[in-house]
C-alpha atoms as a PDB file:
ATOM      1  CA  MET A   1      15.155 -19.627-159.978  1.00  0.00           C
ATOM      2  CA  LYS A   2      15.309 -22.748-157.809  1.00  0.00           C
ATOM      3  CA  ASN A   3      19.028 -22.257-157.146  1.00  0.00           C
ATOM      4  CA  SER A   4      18.377 -18.668-156.119  1.00  0.00           C
ATOM      5  CA  LYS A   5      15.666 -19.792-153.678  1.00  0.00           C
ATOM      6  CA  ASN A   6      17.918 -22.486-152.188  1.00  0.00           C
ATOM      7  CA  GLN A   7      20.704 -19.961-151.830  1.00  0.00           C
ATOM      8  CA  THR A   8      18.378 -17.575-149.989  1.00  0.00           C
ATOM      9  CA  ILE A   9      17.278 -20.357-147.619  1.00  0.00           C
ATOM     10  CA  LEU A  10      20.894 -21.332-146.979  1.00  0.00           C
ATOM     11  CA  ILE A  11      21.961 -17.752-146.251  1.00  0.00           C
ATOM     12  CA  THR A  12      18.964 -17.238-143.952  1.00  0.00           C
ATOM     13  CA  THR A  13      19.694 -20.460-142.080  1.00  0.00           C
ATOM     14  CA  VAL A  14      23.363 -19.584-141.626  1.00  0.00           C
ATOM     15  CA  GLY A  15      22.409 -16.088-140.483  1.00  0.00           C
ATOM     16  CA  TRP A  16      20.004 -17.418-137.863  1.00  0.00           C
ATOM     17  CA  ALA A  17      22.558 -19.983-136.698  1.00  0.00           C
ATOM     18  CA  ILE A  18      25.206 -17.287-136.184  1.00  0.00           C
ATOM     19  CA  ALA A  19      22.698 -15.018-134.428  1.00  0.00           C
ATOM     20  CA  LEU A  20      21.647 -17.794-132.041  1.00  0.00           C
ATOM     21  CA  LEU A  21      25.280 -18.691-131.387  1.00  0.00           C
ATOM     22  CA  ILE A  22      26.022 -15.082-130.423  1.00  0.00           C
ATOM     23  CA  PHE A  23      22.848 -14.700-128.368  1.00  0.00           C
ATOM     24  CA  PHE A  24      23.154 -17.973-126.415  1.00  0.00           C
ATOM     25  CA  PRO A  25      25.767 -16.759-123.847  1.00  0.00           C
ATOM     26  CA  ILE A  26      23.547 -13.761-123.063  1.00  0.00           C
ATOM     27  CA  PHE A  27      20.516 -16.026-122.709  1.00  0.00           C
ATOM     28  CA  TRP A  28      22.419 -18.448-120.451  1.00  0.00           C
ATOM     29  CA  MET A  29      23.712 -15.583-118.297  1.00  0.00           C
ATOM     30  CA  PHE A  30      20.142 -14.294-117.913  1.00  0.00           C
ATOM     31  CA  LEU A  31      18.903 -17.793-117.054  1.00  0.00           C
ATOM     32  CA  THR A  32      21.669 -18.390-114.504  1.00  0.00           C
ATOM     33  CA  SER A  33      20.922 -15.106-112.747  1.00  0.00           C
ATOM     34  CA  PHE A  34      17.611 -16.593-111.557  1.00  0.00           C
ATOM     35  CA  LYS A  35      19.215 -19.722-110.081  1.00  0.00           C
ATOM     36  CA  THR A  36      20.647 -20.468-106.674  1.00  0.00           C
ATOM     37  CA  GLU A  37      24.400 -21.063-106.410  1.00  0.00           C
ATOM     38  CA  GLU A  38      23.779 -24.805-106.177  1.00  0.00           C
ATOM     39  CA  MET A  39      21.653 -24.763-109.329  1.00  0.00           C
ATOM     40  CA  ALA A  40      24.201 -22.643-111.186  1.00  0.00           C
ATOM     41  CA  ILE A  41      26.987 -25.212-110.775  1.00  0.00           C
ATOM     42  CA  SER A  42      24.858 -28.318-111.161  1.00  0.00           C
ATOM     43  CA  SER A  43      25.920 -30.928-113.709  1.00  0.00           C
ATOM     44  CA  PRO A  44      24.233 -31.515-116.061  1.00  0.00           C
ATOM     45  CA  PRO A  45      22.985 -27.910-116.344  1.00  0.00           C
ATOM     46  CA  LEU A  46      19.421 -27.260-115.252  1.00  0.00           C
ATOM     47  CA  TRP A  47      17.082 -25.945-117.938  1.00  0.00           C
ATOM     48  CA  ILE A  48      13.877 -26.240-115.935  1.00  0.00           C
ATOM     49  CA  PHE A  49      13.946 -24.912-112.375  1.00  0.00           C
ATOM     50  CA  GLU A  50      12.096 -22.696-109.948  1.00  0.00           C
ATOM     51  CA  PRO A  51      13.434 -19.159-110.508  1.00  0.00           C
ATOM     52  CA  THR A  52      14.564 -17.040-107.590  1.00  0.00           C
ATOM     53  CA  LEU A  53      15.570 -13.405-107.144  1.00  0.00           C
ATOM     54  CA  GLN A  54      18.029 -14.242-104.373  1.00  0.00           C
ATOM     55  CA  GLY A  55      21.033 -13.305-106.507  1.00  0.00           C
ATOM     56  CA  TYR A  56      19.620  -9.857-107.238  1.00  0.00           C
ATOM     57  CA  ARG A  57      18.670  -9.348-103.589  1.00  0.00           C
ATOM     58  CA  ASP A  58      22.199 -10.269-102.493  1.00  0.00           C
ATOM     59  CA  ILE A  59      23.683  -7.739-104.923  1.00  0.00           C
ATOM     60  CA  MET A  60      21.399  -4.918-103.811  1.00  0.00           C
ATOM     61  CA  SER A  61      22.148  -5.604-100.150  1.00  0.00           C
ATOM     62  CA  ARG A  62      25.907  -5.900-100.687  1.00  0.00           C
ATOM     63  CA  VAL A  63      26.720  -3.016-103.032  1.00  0.00           C
ATOM     64  CA  ASN A  64      25.296   0.349-104.029  1.00  0.00           C
ATOM     65  CA  TYR A  65      24.164  -0.489-107.546  1.00  0.00           C
ATOM     66  CA  LEU A  66      22.874   3.007-108.343  1.00  0.00           C
ATOM     67  CA  SER A  67      26.263   4.502-107.465  1.00  0.00           C
ATOM     68  CA  HIS A  68      28.027   2.151-109.890  1.00  0.00           C
ATOM     69  CA  MET A  69      25.389   2.856-112.517  1.00  0.00           C
ATOM     70  CA  TRP A  70      25.823   6.615-112.154  1.00  0.00           C
ATOM     71  CA  ASN A  71      29.612   6.263-112.441  1.00  0.00           C
ATOM     72  CA  SER A  72      29.227   4.278-115.669  1.00  0.00           C
ATOM     73  CA  ILE A  73      26.822   6.830-117.126  1.00  0.00           C
ATOM     74  CA  PHE A  74      28.953   9.798-116.071  1.00  0.00           C
ATOM     75  CA  ILE A  75      32.264   8.336-117.263  1.00  0.00           C
ATOM     76  CA  ALA A  76      30.958   6.850-120.534  1.00  0.00           C
ATOM     77  CA  GLY A  77      28.900   9.932-121.385  1.00  0.00           C
ATOM     78  CA  GLY A  78      31.628  12.403-120.405  1.00  0.00           C
ATOM     79  CA  ALA A  79      34.362  10.526-122.264  1.00  0.00           C
ATOM     80  CA  SER A  80      32.232  10.184-125.395  1.00  0.00           C
ATOM     81  CA  LEU A  81      31.315  13.870-125.399  1.00  0.00           C
ATOM     82  CA  LEU A  82      34.929  14.920-124.862  1.00  0.00           C
ATOM     83  CA  SER A  83      36.066  12.529-127.616  1.00  0.00           C
ATOM     84  CA  ILE A  84      33.610  14.086-130.078  1.00  0.00           C
ATOM     85  CA  LEU A  85      34.625  17.638-129.116  1.00  0.00           C
ATOM     86  CA  ILE A  86      38.295  16.831-129.752  1.00  0.00           C
ATOM     87  CA  SER A  87      37.710  14.661-132.816  1.00  0.00           C
ATOM     88  CA  VAL A  88      35.573  17.118-134.801  1.00  0.00           C
ATOM     89  CA  PRO A  89      38.246  19.836-135.294  1.00  0.00           C
ATOM     90  CA  ALA A  90      40.984  17.216-135.786  1.00  0.00           C
ATOM     91  CA  ALA A  91      38.950  15.318-138.396  1.00  0.00           C
ATOM     92  CA  TYR A  92      37.853  18.566-140.073  1.00  0.00           C
ATOM     93  CA  ALA A  93      41.456  19.707-140.522  1.00  0.00           C
ATOM     94  CA  MET A  94      42.552  16.358-141.966  1.00  0.00           C
ATOM     95  CA  ALA A  95      39.476  15.933-144.192  1.00  0.00           C
ATOM     96  CA  PHE A  96      39.316  19.400-145.743  1.00  0.00           C
ATOM     97  CA  TYR A  97      42.925  20.577-145.423  1.00  0.00           C
ATOM     98  CA  PRO A  98      44.943  17.379-145.919  1.00  0.00           C
ATOM     99  CA  THR A  99      48.710  17.271-146.199  1.00  0.00           C
ATOM    100  CA  LYS A 100      50.942  14.580-147.644  1.00  0.00           C
ATOM    101  CA  ARG A 101      51.298  13.169-144.105  1.00  0.00           C
ATOM    102  CA  THR A 102      47.580  12.994-143.278  1.00  0.00           C
ATOM    103  CA  GLN A 103      47.201   9.302-144.084  1.00  0.00           C
ATOM    104  CA  ASP A 104      50.376   8.505-142.151  1.00  0.00           C
ATOM    105  CA  ILE A 105      48.985  10.323-139.097  1.00  0.00           C
ATOM    106  CA  LEU A 106      45.695   8.419-139.315  1.00  0.00           C
ATOM    107  CA  LEU A 107      47.494   5.083-139.630  1.00  0.00           C
ATOM    108  CA  TRP A 108      49.754   5.966-136.700  1.00  0.00           C
ATOM    109  CA  MET A 109      46.739   6.852-134.544  1.00  0.00           C
ATOM    110  CA  MET A 110      45.001   3.573-135.347  1.00  0.00           C
ATOM    111  CA  SER A 111      48.217   1.628-134.729  1.00  0.00           C
ATOM    112  CA  THR A 112      48.186   2.816-131.106  1.00  0.00           C
ATOM    113  CA  LYS A 113      45.031   0.696-130.602  1.00  0.00           C
ATOM    114  CA  MET A 114      47.161  -2.384-131.242  1.00  0.00           C
ATOM    115  CA  MET A 115      49.336  -1.635-128.223  1.00  0.00           C
ATOM    116  CA  PRO A 116      48.401  -3.738-125.157  1.00  0.00           C
ATOM    117  CA  ALA A 117      46.951  -1.524-122.443  1.00  0.00           C
ATOM    118  CA  VAL A 118      48.939  -3.380-119.787  1.00  0.00           C
ATOM    119  CA  SER A 119      52.181  -2.096-121.340  1.00  0.00           C
ATOM    120  CA  VAL A 120      51.367   1.470-120.236  1.00  0.00           C
ATOM    121  CA  LEU A 121      49.602   0.607-116.989  1.00  0.00           C
ATOM    122  CA  LEU A 122      52.628   1.215-114.749  1.00  0.00           C
ATOM    123  CA  PRO A 123      53.460   4.761-115.967  1.00  0.00           C
ATOM    124  CA  VAL A 124      49.777   5.729-116.003  1.00  0.00           C
ATOM    125  CA  TYR A 125      49.298   4.367-112.485  1.00  0.00           C
ATOM    126  CA  VAL A 126      52.382   6.236-111.214  1.00  0.00           C
ATOM    127  CA  ILE A 127      51.150   9.496-112.787  1.00  0.00           C
ATOM    128  CA  PHE A 128      47.699   9.044-111.262  1.00  0.00           C
ATOM    129  CA  GLN A 129      49.258   8.250-107.900  1.00  0.00           C
ATOM    130  CA  LYS A 130      51.511  11.334-107.977  1.00  0.00           C
ATOM    131  CA  LEU A 131      48.542  13.541-108.919  1.00  0.00           C
ATOM    132  CA  ALA A 132      46.320  11.858-106.294  1.00  0.00           C
ATOM    133  CA  ILE A 133      43.593  11.131-108.850  1.00  0.00           C
ATOM    134  CA  ILE A 134      43.259   7.370-108.457  1.00  0.00           C
ATOM    135  CA  ASP A 135      39.584   6.443-108.081  1.00  0.00           C
ATOM    136  CA  ASN A 136      38.550   9.766-109.606  1.00  0.00           C
ATOM    137  CA  ALA A 137      35.720   9.895-112.151  1.00  0.00           C
ATOM    138  CA  LEU A 138      37.131  12.909-114.025  1.00  0.00           C
ATOM    139  CA  ALA A 139      40.483  11.177-114.380  1.00  0.00           C
ATOM    140  CA  MET A 140      38.724   8.105-115.771  1.00  0.00           C
ATOM    141  CA  ILE A 141      36.988  10.310-118.343  1.00  0.00           C
ATOM    142  CA  VAL A 142      40.419  11.466-119.531  1.00  0.00           C
ATOM    143  CA  ILE A 143      41.704   7.880-119.786  1.00  0.00           C
ATOM    144  CA  TYR A 144      38.626   6.666-121.655  1.00  0.00           C
ATOM    145  CA  THR A 145      38.785   9.668-123.982  1.00  0.00           C
ATOM    146  CA  LEU A 146      42.394   8.929-124.887  1.00  0.00           C
ATOM    147  CA  MET A 147      41.473   5.288-125.375  1.00  0.00           C
ATOM    148  CA  ASN A 148      38.712   6.106-127.896  1.00  0.00           C
ATOM    149  CA  LEU A 149      40.219   9.087-129.719  1.00  0.00           C
ATOM    150  CA  PRO A 150      41.870   7.105-132.549  1.00  0.00           C
ATOM    151  CA  ILE A 151      38.558   5.413-133.393  1.00  0.00           C
ATOM    152  CA  THR A 152      36.389   8.531-133.100  1.00  0.00           C
ATOM    153  CA  ILE A 153      38.791  10.669-135.151  1.00  0.00           C
ATOM    154  CA  TRP A 154      39.011   8.020-137.864  1.00  0.00           C
ATOM    155  CA  LEU A 155      35.235   7.578-138.074  1.00  0.00           C
ATOM    156  CA  ILE A 156      34.439  11.292-138.116  1.00  0.00           C
ATOM    157  CA  TYR A 157      37.198  11.849-140.680  1.00  0.00           C
ATOM    158  CA  SER A 158      35.535   9.225-142.915  1.00  0.00           C
ATOM    159  CA  TYR A 159      32.154  10.949-142.556  1.00  0.00           C
ATOM    160  CA  PHE A 160      33.620  14.376-143.317  1.00  0.00           C
ATOM    161  CA  LYS A 161      35.370  13.040-146.426  1.00  0.00           C
ATOM    162  CA  ASP A 162      31.982  11.977-147.819  1.00  0.00           C
ATOM    163  CA  LEU A 163      30.428  15.437-147.452  1.00  0.00           C
ATOM    164  CA  PRO A 164      29.906  17.388-150.698  1.00  0.00           C
ATOM    165  CA  THR A 165      32.656  20.012-150.859  1.00  0.00           C
ATOM    166  CA  GLU A 166      30.482  22.175-153.137  1.00  0.00           C
ATOM    167  CA  VAL A 167      28.279  23.093-150.167  1.00  0.00           C
ATOM    168  CA  MET A 168      31.292  24.280-148.158  1.00  0.00           C
ATOM    169  CA  GLU A 169      32.638  26.236-151.128  1.00  0.00           C
ATOM    170  CA  ALA A 170      29.270  27.951-151.565  1.00  0.00           C
ATOM    171  CA  GLY A 171      29.270  28.880-147.883  1.00  0.00           C
ATOM    172  CA  ARG A 172      32.748  30.374-148.140  1.00  0.00           C
ATOM    173  CA  LEU A 173      31.681  32.408-151.163  1.00  0.00           C
ATOM    174  CA  ASP A 174      28.802  33.748-149.059  1.00  0.00           C
ATOM    175  CA  GLY A 175      31.291  34.934-146.450  1.00  0.00           C
ATOM    176  CA  MET A 176      30.963  32.200-143.841  1.00  0.00           C
ATOM    177  CA  THR A 177      33.689  32.063-141.215  1.00  0.00           C
ATOM    178  CA  LEU A 178      35.385  28.807-140.261  1.00  0.00           C
ATOM    179  CA  PHE A 179      33.265  28.485-137.127  1.00  0.00           C
ATOM    180  CA  GLN A 180      30.049  29.171-139.050  1.00  0.00           C
ATOM    181  CA  GLU A 181      30.976  26.625-141.694  1.00  0.00           C
ATOM    182  CA  ILE A 182      31.495  23.912-139.082  1.00  0.00           C
ATOM    183  CA  ARG A 183      28.424  24.851-137.074  1.00  0.00           C
ATOM    184  CA  PHE A 184      25.870  25.429-139.842  1.00  0.00           C
ATOM    185  CA  LEU A 185      27.111  23.157-142.630  1.00  0.00           C
ATOM    186  CA  VAL A 186      29.498  20.407-141.540  1.00  0.00           C
ATOM    187  CA  LEU A 187      27.884  19.355-138.264  1.00  0.00           C
ATOM    188  CA  PRO A 188      24.231  19.245-139.497  1.00  0.00           C
ATOM    189  CA  MET A 189      25.177  17.253-142.615  1.00  0.00           C
ATOM    190  CA  SER A 190      27.268  14.754-140.642  1.00  0.00           C
ATOM    191  CA  LEU A 191      24.867  14.430-137.691  1.00  0.00           C
ATOM    192  CA  PRO A 192      24.054  10.721-138.343  1.00  0.00           C
ATOM    193  CA  GLY A 193      27.766   9.920-138.415  1.00  0.00           C
ATOM    194  CA  LEU A 194      28.437  11.904-135.246  1.00  0.00           C
ATOM    195  CA  ALA A 195      25.543  10.191-133.483  1.00  0.00           C
ATOM    196  CA  SER A 196      26.761   6.712-134.411  1.00  0.00           C
ATOM    197  CA  THR A 197      30.304   7.613-133.372  1.00  0.00           C
ATOM    198  CA  GLY A 198      29.031   8.847-130.016  1.00  0.00           C
ATOM    199  CA  LEU A 199      26.968   5.680-129.505  1.00  0.00           C
ATOM    200  CA  LEU A 200      29.916   3.466-130.393  1.00  0.00           C
ATOM    201  CA  SER A 201      32.129   5.419-128.002  1.00  0.00           C
ATOM    202  CA  ILE A 202      29.572   5.001-125.204  1.00  0.00           C
ATOM    203  CA  VAL A 203      29.474   1.235-125.796  1.00  0.00           C
ATOM    204  CA  LEU A 204      33.285   0.982-125.752  1.00  0.00           C
ATOM    205  CA  CYS A 205      33.516   3.035-122.560  1.00  0.00           C
ATOM    206  CA  TRP A 206      30.713   1.104-120.886  1.00  0.00           C
ATOM    207  CA  ASN A 207      32.395  -2.230-121.609  1.00  0.00           C
ATOM    208  CA  GLU A 208      35.914  -1.139-120.660  1.00  0.00           C
ATOM    209  CA  ALA A 209      37.122  -3.195-117.712  1.00  0.00           C
ATOM    210  CA  PHE A 210      40.922  -3.061-117.679  1.00  0.00           C
ATOM    211  CA  TRP A 211      41.332   0.564-116.626  1.00  0.00           C
ATOM    212  CA  SER A 212      38.381   0.575-114.255  1.00  0.00           C
ATOM    213  CA  LEU A 213      39.691  -2.482-112.398  1.00  0.00           C
ATOM    214  CA  ASN A 214      43.171  -0.997-112.019  1.00  0.00           C
ATOM    215  CA  LEU A 215      42.420   2.690-111.433  1.00  0.00           C
ATOM    216  CA  THR A 216      39.199   2.665-109.402  1.00  0.00           C
ATOM    217  CA  THR A 217      38.144   1.139-106.115  1.00  0.00           C
ATOM    218  CA  THR A 218      34.957   2.684-104.701  1.00  0.00           C
ATOM    219  CA  ASN A 219      34.212   6.334-105.488  1.00  0.00           C
ATOM    220  CA  ALA A 220      34.559   6.145-109.283  1.00  0.00           C
ATOM    221  CA  ALA A 221      33.960   2.407-109.742  1.00  0.00           C
ATOM    222  CA  PRO A 222      31.680   1.717-112.744  1.00  0.00           C
ATOM    223  CA  LEU A 223      29.561  -1.371-113.344  1.00  0.00           C
ATOM    224  CA  THR A 224      32.526  -3.376-114.674  1.00  0.00           C
ATOM    225  CA  GLN A 225      34.067  -3.058-111.213  1.00  0.00           C
ATOM    226  CA  LEU A 226      30.779  -4.260-109.719  1.00  0.00           C
ATOM    227  CA  ILE A 227      30.995  -7.526-111.675  1.00  0.00           C
ATOM    228  CA  ALA A 228      34.557  -8.136-110.490  1.00  0.00           C
ATOM    229  CA  THR A 229      33.527  -7.942-106.834  1.00  0.00           C
ATOM    230  CA  PHE A 230      31.728 -11.275-107.163  1.00  0.00           C
ATOM    231  CA  SER A 231      34.907 -13.238-107.796  1.00  0.00           C
ATOM    232  CA  SER A 232      36.978 -14.228-104.776  1.00  0.00           C
ATOM    233  CA  PRO A 233      39.842 -16.576-103.786  1.00  0.00           C
ATOM    234  CA  GLU A 234      37.174 -19.082-102.739  1.00  0.00           C
ATOM    235  CA  GLY A 235      35.843 -19.207-106.300  1.00  0.00           C
ATOM    236  CA  LEU A 236      33.222 -17.657-108.518  1.00  0.00           C
ATOM    237  CA  PHE A 237      29.658 -17.178-107.357  1.00  0.00           C
ATOM    238  CA  TRP A 238      28.031 -17.930-110.704  1.00  0.00           C
ATOM    239  CA  ALA A 239      24.459 -16.972-109.822  1.00  0.00           C
ATOM    240  CA  LYS A 240      25.435 -13.637-108.263  1.00  0.00           C
ATOM    241  CA  LEU A 241      28.012 -13.043-111.013  1.00  0.00           C
ATOM    242  CA  SER A 242      25.342 -13.610-113.652  1.00  0.00           C
ATOM    243  CA  ALA A 243      22.890 -11.324-111.858  1.00  0.00           C
ATOM    244  CA  ALA A 244      25.536  -8.587-111.609  1.00  0.00           C
ATOM    245  CA  SER A 245      26.341  -9.042-115.296  1.00  0.00           C
ATOM    246  CA  VAL A 246      22.678  -8.745-116.268  1.00  0.00           C
ATOM    247  CA  LEU A 247      22.339  -5.535-114.247  1.00  0.00           C
ATOM    248  CA  SER A 248      25.503  -4.198-115.902  1.00  0.00           C
ATOM    249  CA  VAL A 249      24.764  -5.012-119.539  1.00  0.00           C
ATOM    250  CA  ALA A 250      21.007  -4.386-119.491  1.00  0.00           C
ATOM    251  CA  PRO A 251      21.214  -0.546-119.714  1.00  0.00           C
ATOM    252  CA  ILE A 252      23.631  -0.549-122.670  1.00  0.00           C
ATOM    253  CA  MET A 253      21.655  -3.300-124.427  1.00  0.00           C
ATOM    254  CA  VAL A 254      18.452  -1.282-124.072  1.00  0.00           C
ATOM    255  CA  LEU A 255      20.259   1.794-125.443  1.00  0.00           C
ATOM    256  CA  GLY A 256      21.583  -0.235-128.366  1.00  0.00           C
ATOM    257  CA  TRP A 257      18.147  -1.689-129.059  1.00  0.00           C
ATOM    258  CA  PHE A 258      16.414   1.698-129.232  1.00  0.00           C
ATOM    259  CA  SER A 259      19.224   3.385-131.188  1.00  0.00           C
ATOM    260  CA  GLN A 260      20.036   0.563-133.619  1.00  0.00           C
ATOM    261  CA  LYS A 261      18.500   2.370-136.596  1.00  0.00           C
ATOM    262  CA  GLN A 262      20.519   5.499-135.865  1.00  0.00           C
ATOM    263  CA  LEU A 263      23.643   3.425-135.340  1.00  0.00           C
ATOM    264  CA  VAL A 264      23.275   1.532-138.613  1.00  0.00           C
ATOM    265  CA  ARG A 265      22.420   4.721-140.468  1.00  0.00           C
ATOM    266  CA  GLY A 266      25.511   6.424-139.116  1.00  0.00           C
ATOM    267  CA  LEU A 267      27.843   3.486-139.783  1.00  0.00           C
ATOM    268  CA  THR A 268      26.645   3.346-143.409  1.00  0.00           C
ATOM    269  CA  PHE A 269      26.686   7.131-143.801  1.00  0.00           C
ATOM    270  CA  GLY A 270      28.137   8.035-147.178  1.00  0.00           C
ATOM    271  CA  ALA A 271      28.237   4.431-148.383  1.00  0.00           C
ATOM    272  CA  VAL A 272      25.582   5.067-151.028  1.00  0.00           C
ATOM    273  CA  LYS A 273      25.574   8.300-152.953  1.00  0.00           C
END
C-alpha cells in the first residue's frame, strides 16, 4: 500500500514537472510581452518590473492585426473543412471496402509527411507564380489542405474502422443508399472523431509558418507572417516579438482550452469498447 502511494506521488510529481517545463516558454513569452526592449534583453532577466503595453501599441500602430487574424481564421477554417470533405469519402472507401493495397496506400500517404517541405518549395512557387496566385488566400487553403490530408484521412479511417458494421448492414437491408448510409449512420456515429480531426487540422494550419512565409506577403498573410515581421537585419525586437506571438497564439489556445474535452474524446474514440 505504501509503495503504491509513493508511486502515485512520484508519477504526480513527474507529471507536474513536465507540465511546468512545457508551460514555462509560454509564460516567459507572455511576461516578456509586457516589457520594454531594454528590459527584454537585460541580463540577468528581470522577474519583477513595471509592466507596459508599449509592445502591443507598437504592433497595432504598425500592422493591421485584424486583417492577419481574419486570414488565419479563413485559411485554417477553409483548409480544415476541405480536408474533412475530401477525407470522409476516401476513408469510408478504405475502411468499409478495403483492398489488399489499402494498408500500403495509407502508409504511402503518411510517408509523404516525412518529406521536407523545402524540397518541393521551388516547383510549388513556380506553379503559383505562373498561375498568379501568390499571396492568395484560396491558394493557401489548397496548400494547407494538401499538407493535412494524410493525417486527416488516417485519423478518420481509424474512426470508421471502429464503427460497428452491424449498423451499416442493417441500414443496407432497409434499403439505404450509399449517400444515406454515410449521412445518417456513419457521420453521426463518428462525429466526435470528425470534430477532433477538424480541431487538430485547425491547430496545424494555424501554426504553419513555412508556406505562409514563402507564399504570402500582405493580402493573404496570416498571423505567422505577422510574427516574422518583427525580425530584421538589425536584430530581434524581443518585446514586440513576444507581444506579436501572444496575439497570434492566444486565439488558438483559447479554442484548445474550450474544446479540450471534445478533442480528448475524439482522439480516444473507439479505444474502449
